[in-house]
């Protein structure tokens, strides 16, 4: 049985409407972490011109 990514409680895939979370509370906690960017973030890809600025030694 998979575990909730927020609280590690078991999640029944057949009966839990908030999969992969165990509850609405954990679903909202996860959303808040994404919106606050305190715990989760998506890194920006490096651009080619960013690399050339590092190579100049400036």
Protein backbone atom coordinates (compact mmCIF):
# COMPACT_ATOMS: atom_id res chain seq x y z
CA UNK A 1 0.00 0.00 0.00
CA UNK A 2 1.48 3.41 -0.95
CA UNK A 3 2.14 6.06 1.67
CA UNK A 4 0.96 9.67 1.76
CA UNK A 5 3.85 11.93 0.63
CA UNK A 6 3.10 14.42 3.42
CA UNK A 7 2.47 12.33 6.56
CA UNK A 8 3.47 8.78 5.51
CA UNK A 9 0.04 7.35 6.36
CA UNK A 10 -1.09 4.38 4.24
CA UNK A 11 -3.30 5.34 1.29
CA UNK A 12 -5.88 2.91 -0.09
CA UNK A 13 -5.89 3.55 -3.84
CA UNK A 14 -9.36 2.07 -4.29
CA UNK A 15 -11.25 3.98 -1.60
CA UNK A 16 -9.36 7.24 -1.01
CA UNK A 17 -10.64 10.11 -3.18
CA UNK A 18 -7.57 12.29 -2.51
CA UNK A 19 -4.91 9.91 -3.92
CA UNK A 20 -1.93 10.13 -3.58
CA UNK A 21 -2.70 11.95 -0.32
CA UNK A 22 -4.48 10.38 2.64
CA UNK A 23 -6.76 13.39 3.20
CA UNK A 24 -7.74 16.85 2.00
CA UNK A 25 -5.58 18.25 4.81
CA UNK A 26 -2.41 16.64 3.41
CA UNK A 27 -3.39 17.65 -0.12
CA UNK A 28 -3.66 21.30 0.97
CA UNK A 29 -0.40 21.13 2.93
CA UNK A 30 1.35 19.93 -0.23
CA UNK A 31 -0.25 22.68 -2.32
CA UNK A 32 0.84 25.27 0.24
CA UNK A 33 4.42 24.03 0.04
CA UNK A 34 4.43 24.49 -3.73
CA UNK A 35 2.84 27.94 -3.55
CA UNK A 36 5.14 29.13 -0.76
CA UNK A 37 8.23 27.68 -2.51
CA UNK A 38 9.66 27.00 0.95
CA UNK A 39 9.89 23.24 0.50
CA UNK A 40 9.35 22.58 -3.19
CA UNK A 41 10.52 24.29 -6.33
CA UNK A 42 11.21 23.50 -9.94
CA UNK A 43 14.73 24.48 -10.98
CA UNK A 44 15.11 26.72 -14.01
CA UNK A 45 17.13 25.24 -16.83
CA UNK A 46 20.45 26.97 -17.43
CA UNK A 47 20.62 29.03 -20.59
CA UNK A 48 23.61 28.87 -22.92
CA UNK A 49 24.35 32.59 -22.45
CA UNK A 50 24.51 32.09 -18.65
CA UNK A 51 27.42 29.66 -19.11
CA UNK A 52 29.43 32.07 -21.26
CA UNK A 53 29.23 34.80 -18.59
CA UNK A 54 30.78 32.40 -16.06
CA UNK A 55 33.65 31.55 -18.43
CA UNK A 56 34.70 35.19 -18.96
CA UNK A 57 36.08 35.46 -15.45
CA UNK A 58 34.07 38.62 -14.90
